[in-house]
């Protein structure tokens, strides 16, 4: 496959951490300056699911799901790899959230969606307290892998063999955020410690940090943590940079 010239500065850090009795499922959503100038952050909440609407950076329209959880305690979140004129992976995440009840549903839902659509390049985490899957998609290709233990991911494919052309700083940011997050999640055992990681400015505040501050004006648009522990399901979120704002928690499916 030939490379597609990367135009966006869309970066996210997502992952899952296992804690006693459950998981912490998280996402720092990083978007470019143009989107942040016209910020539109929309949550959807029904008896079936709670989610943050996705954003198609090609059309500047809201569509699909960026991160969410359904009543079956299945969580989904995505991070961007490669722009194209294809359908966004946010719409696939919406399909997953509406149809997946257990891990055996994932291959069927994915196969059906990919058979119907050509999809922009993205990475998707799907998790419950008992299991985690990493799904990578690009155009008609996809790869699915079950994950054991904690994981953090950024913006580089690990299952699909495709090299992305993008500015050097974007590549460095993806790799450095992955390095820092992968080290930090090893020592995280509660939500307070995770909030600290999502506010991290290692190696320094700026383009390379998990709490992302881009020179051209983009960066972390919002931060989200879904906590499942026993009977408790809570969504903690903030708008803007995590280093400058406090998380607010909503109890779900009570």
Protein backbone atom coordinates (compact mmCIF):
# COMPACT_ATOMS: atom_id res chain seq x y z
CA UNK A 1 0.00 0.00 0.00
CA UNK A 2 1.17 3.50 -0.75
CA UNK A 3 1.42 6.01 2.07
CA UNK A 4 -1.20 8.74 2.48
CA UNK A 5 0.16 12.18 3.34
CA UNK A 6 -0.85 12.90 6.93
CA UNK A 7 -2.44 16.35 7.24
CA UNK A 8 -3.87 16.24 10.76
CA UNK A 9 -2.37 16.69 14.20
CA UNK A 10 -4.76 14.30 15.94
CA UNK A 11 -3.24 12.47 18.85
CA UNK A 12 -4.73 10.49 21.70
CA UNK A 13 -3.44 8.34 24.52
CA UNK A 14 -5.78 5.53 25.53
CA UNK A 15 -5.53 2.37 27.59
CA UNK A 16 -6.82 0.00 30.23
CA UNK A 17 -5.46 -0.74 33.70
CA UNK A 18 -6.60 -3.68 35.81
CA UNK A 19 -7.35 -2.91 39.45
CA UNK A 20 -8.83 -5.10 42.22
CA UNK A 21 -12.38 -5.93 41.18
CA UNK A 22 -12.33 -4.15 37.86
CA UNK A 23 -10.61 -1.83 35.38
CA UNK A 24 -9.74 1.79 34.69
CA UNK A 25 -10.34 2.58 31.01
CA UNK A 26 -8.98 5.94 29.86
CA UNK A 27 -8.51 8.42 27.05
CA UNK A 28 -6.82 11.80 26.63
CA UNK A 29 -8.38 13.16 23.44
CA UNK A 30 -5.94 15.42 21.59
CA UNK A 31 -7.20 17.44 18.64
CA UNK A 32 -5.82 20.05 16.27
CA UNK A 33 -6.08 23.82 16.54
CA UNK A 34 -8.84 24.21 13.94
CA UNK A 35 -11.15 21.83 15.78
CA UNK A 36 -10.40 23.38 19.17
CA UNK A 37 -11.28 26.84 17.84
CA UNK A 38 -14.80 25.54 17.23
CA UNK A 39 -14.89 23.11 20.14
CA UNK A 40 -18.01 20.97 20.30
CA UNK A 41 -17.87 18.26 22.95
CA UNK A 42 -21.05 16.19 23.08
CA UNK A 43 -21.95 13.37 25.46
CA UNK A 44 -24.74 10.87 24.84
CA UNK A 45 -26.40 9.02 27.72
CA UNK A 46 -29.18 6.44 27.50
CA UNK A 47 -30.16 3.42 29.62
CA UNK A 48 -28.14 1.36 27.11
CA UNK A 49 -24.86 3.30 26.90
CA UNK A 50 -22.90 6.44 27.79
CA UNK A 51 -20.46 7.90 25.26
CA UNK A 52 -18.55 10.88 23.89
CA UNK A 53 -19.35 11.67 20.27
CA UNK A 54 -16.53 11.26 17.77
CA UNK A 55 -15.26 13.94 15.40
CA UNK A 56 -14.52 13.49 11.71
CA UNK A 57 -11.57 15.82 11.18
CA UNK A 58 -11.99 15.59 7.41
CA UNK A 59 -15.52 17.05 7.50
CA UNK A 60 -15.46 18.74 10.96
CA UNK A 61 -18.70 16.91 11.73
CA UNK A 62 -19.63 14.92 14.85
CA UNK A 63 -20.20 11.24 14.16
CA UNK A 64 -19.80 7.89 15.84
CA UNK A 65 -18.17 7.44 19.24
CA UNK A 66 -14.76 8.48 20.60
CA UNK A 67 -15.04 6.63 23.94
CA UNK A 68 -17.96 4.90 25.60
CA UNK A 69 -19.38 2.13 27.75
CA UNK A 70 -22.56 0.08 27.42
CA UNK A 71 -24.76 -1.53 30.06
CA UNK A 72 -22.94 -4.85 29.53
CA UNK A 73 -19.78 -3.13 30.85
CA UNK A 74 -18.07 -3.21 27.49
CA UNK A 75 -15.84 -0.16 26.95
CA UNK A 76 -14.54 1.14 23.62
CA UNK A 77 -12.15 3.95 22.67
CA UNK A 78 -10.06 4.85 19.64
CA UNK A 79 -6.95 6.73 18.59
CA UNK A 80 -6.05 8.11 15.16
CA UNK A 81 -3.37 6.81 12.81
CA UNK A 82 -4.16 7.75 9.23
CA UNK A 83 -6.56 10.16 7.52
CA UNK A 84 -8.36 9.29 4.29
CA UNK A 85 -11.67 9.90 2.55
CA UNK A 86 -13.07 6.70 4.08
CA UNK A 87 -15.59 6.16 6.87
CA UNK A 88 -14.27 7.02 10.33
CA UNK A 89 -13.46 4.32 12.87
CA UNK A 90 -15.70 6.30 15.29
CA UNK A 91 -18.68 4.81 13.46
CA UNK A 92 -17.27 1.31 13.94
CA UNK A 93 -16.91 2.10 17.66
CA UNK A 94 -20.58 3.09 17.72
CA UNK A 95 -21.50 -0.24 16.15
CA UNK A 96 -19.36 -2.11 18.68
CA UNK A 97 -20.92 -0.29 21.62
CA UNK A 98 -24.45 -1.00 20.41
CA UNK A 99 -23.95 -4.67 19.52
CA UNK A 100 -21.17 -6.21 21.63
CA UNK A 101 -22.29 -7.89 24.86
CA UNK A 102 -19.37 -10.30 25.27
CA UNK A 103 -16.01 -10.88 23.62
CA UNK A 104 -17.32 -13.49 21.17
CA UNK A 105 -19.42 -10.75 19.53
CA UNK A 106 -16.37 -8.69 18.53
CA UNK A 107 -15.18 -10.70 15.47
CA UNK A 108 -18.71 -10.90 14.04
CA UNK A 109 -19.46 -7.19 14.47
CA UNK A 110 -16.06 -6.22 13.05
CA UNK A 111 -16.30 -8.55 10.05
CA UNK A 112 -19.76 -7.26 9.16
CA UNK A 113 -18.73 -3.60 9.42
CA UNK A 114 -15.49 -4.02 7.49
CA UNK A 115 -17.31 -5.96 4.81
CA UNK A 116 -19.61 -2.97 4.32
CA UNK A 117 -17.10 -0.11 4.66
CA UNK A 118 -13.61 1.18 3.87
CA UNK A 119 -12.31 2.83 7.04
CA UNK A 120 -9.81 5.54 8.02
CA UNK A 121 -6.70 4.29 9.83
CA UNK A 122 -7.28 3.88 13.54
CA UNK A 123 -6.65 1.78 16.63
CA UNK A 124 -9.51 0.68 18.87
CA UNK A 125 -9.43 -0.76 22.39
CA UNK A 126 -12.40 -2.88 23.49
CA UNK A 127 -12.41 -4.00 27.12
CA UNK A 128 -14.43 -5.33 30.01
CA UNK A 129 -13.18 -6.33 33.48
CA UNK A 130 -12.57 -9.87 32.17
CA UNK A 131 -10.90 -9.25 28.78
CA UNK A 132 -9.30 -6.70 26.43
CA UNK A 133 -8.92 -6.60 22.64
CA UNK A 134 -6.89 -4.35 20.34
CA UNK A 135 -8.42 -3.78 16.90
CA UNK A 136 -6.57 -1.96 14.11
CA UNK A 137 -8.29 -0.86 10.90
CA UNK A 138 -7.24 0.80 7.66
CA UNK A 139 -9.40 0.86 4.52
CA UNK A 140 -10.51 -2.79 4.10
CA UNK A 141 -7.80 -4.30 6.28
CA UNK A 142 -8.16 -5.08 9.98
CA UNK A 143 -6.33 -7.05 12.64
CA UNK A 144 -7.71 -8.14 16.03
CA UNK A 145 -5.67 -9.35 19.00
CA UNK A 146 -6.59 -10.28 22.57
CA UNK A 147 -4.46 -8.48 25.15
CA UNK A 148 -3.37 -9.79 28.53
CA UNK A 149 -2.78 -7.29 31.35
CA UNK A 150 -2.51 -3.50 31.20
CA UNK A 151 -1.93 -1.62 27.96
CA UNK A 152 -1.52 1.94 26.71
CA UNK A 153 -1.58 2.82 23.01
CA UNK A 154 -0.98 5.94 20.94
CA UNK A 155 -0.86 6.55 17.18
CA UNK A 156 1.32 3.87 15.58
CA UNK A 157 0.04 0.59 14.15
CA UNK A 158 1.45 -2.52 15.79
CA UNK A 159 -0.70 -5.17 14.06
CA UNK A 160 -1.16 -3.70 10.57
CA UNK A 161 1.98 -3.40 8.45
CA UNK A 162 1.68 0.15 7.14
CA UNK A 163 4.04 3.11 7.47
CA UNK A 164 2.44 6.53 7.98
CA UNK A 165 3.93 9.70 6.51
CA UNK A 166 3.59 12.55 8.99
CA UNK A 167 5.66 15.38 10.47
CA UNK A 168 8.60 14.26 12.58
CA UNK A 169 7.21 15.88 15.73
CA UNK A 170 3.97 13.89 15.43
CA UNK A 171 5.90 10.63 15.16
CA UNK A 172 8.09 11.59 18.12
CA UNK A 173 5.01 12.51 20.15
CA UNK A 174 3.31 9.18 19.53
CA UNK A 175 6.41 7.20 20.49
CA UNK A 176 7.27 9.29 23.57
CA UNK A 177 3.72 9.26 24.94
CA UNK A 178 3.65 5.50 24.46
CA UNK A 179 6.97 5.10 26.25
CA UNK A 180 5.94 7.24 29.23
CA UNK A 181 2.45 5.76 29.55
CA UNK A 182 3.68 2.16 29.26
CA UNK A 183 6.12 2.76 32.13
CA UNK A 184 3.67 4.67 34.33
CA UNK A 185 0.74 2.22 34.10
CA UNK A 186 2.90 -0.47 35.69
CA UNK A 187 2.68 1.37 39.00
CA UNK A 188 -0.93 2.59 38.86
CA UNK A 189 -3.41 0.94 41.24
CA UNK A 190 -6.16 3.58 41.65
CA UNK A 191 -7.91 6.39 39.82
CA UNK A 192 -5.97 9.13 41.59
CA UNK A 193 -2.68 7.77 40.26
CA UNK A 194 -4.18 7.52 36.76
CA UNK A 195 -5.29 11.15 36.88
CA UNK A 196 -1.69 12.03 37.69
CA UNK A 197 -0.49 10.17 34.61
CA UNK A 198 -3.04 11.88 32.35
CA UNK A 199 -1.73 15.22 33.67
CA UNK A 200 1.88 14.20 32.99
CA UNK A 201 4.28 16.63 31.30
CA UNK A 202 7.11 14.12 30.95
CA UNK A 203 9.64 14.59 29.42
CA UNK A 204 8.49 18.25 29.50
CA UNK A 205 5.30 20.22 28.93
CA UNK A 206 4.67 20.41 25.21
CA UNK A 207 4.38 18.38 22.03
CA UNK A 208 5.63 15.11 23.51
CA UNK A 209 3.71 14.98 26.80
CA UNK A 210 0.59 12.93 27.60
CA UNK A 211 -1.11 16.15 28.72
CA UNK A 212 -0.47 17.52 25.28
CA UNK A 213 0.34 21.15 24.43
CA UNK A 214 1.09 21.68 20.71
CA UNK A 215 3.03 24.69 19.52
CA UNK A 216 0.48 25.51 16.81
CA UNK A 217 -2.40 25.57 19.31
CA UNK A 218 -3.72 22.02 19.37
CA UNK A 219 -3.47 19.56 22.21
CA UNK A 220 -5.55 17.74 24.80
CA UNK A 221 -9.19 18.70 24.27
CA UNK A 222 -10.66 16.52 27.03
CA UNK A 223 -9.78 13.64 29.35
CA UNK A 224 -11.90 10.63 30.35
CA UNK A 225 -11.68 7.74 32.81
CA UNK A 226 -14.25 4.95 33.03
CA UNK A 227 -13.97 3.08 36.33
CA UNK A 228 -15.61 -0.33 36.72
CA UNK A 229 -15.13 -1.82 40.17
CA UNK A 230 -17.58 -4.31 41.64
CA UNK A 231 -21.06 -2.86 41.15
CA UNK A 232 -19.66 0.64 40.65
CA UNK A 233 -19.49 2.24 37.20
CA UNK A 234 -18.32 5.85 37.05
CA UNK A 235 -17.19 8.22 34.30
CA UNK A 236 -14.74 10.94 35.32
CA UNK A 237 -14.07 13.63 32.73
CA UNK A 238 -12.81 17.16 32.21
CA UNK A 239 -12.68 19.60 29.32
CA UNK A 240 -9.40 21.20 28.35
CA UNK A 241 -5.93 20.30 29.58
CA UNK A 242 -5.87 17.88 32.54
CA UNK A 243 -3.09 19.93 34.15
CA UNK A 244 -5.42 22.95 34.37
CA UNK A 245 -8.79 21.38 35.23
CA UNK A 246 -10.49 19.03 37.69
CA UNK A 247 -12.32 15.80 36.86
CA UNK A 248 -16.08 15.56 37.47
CA UNK A 249 -17.60 12.12 38.02
CA UNK A 250 -20.96 10.78 36.82
CA UNK A 251 -22.35 7.50 38.15
CA UNK A 252 -23.70 5.27 35.38
CA UNK A 253 -26.34 2.54 35.16
CA UNK A 254 -27.58 3.07 38.72
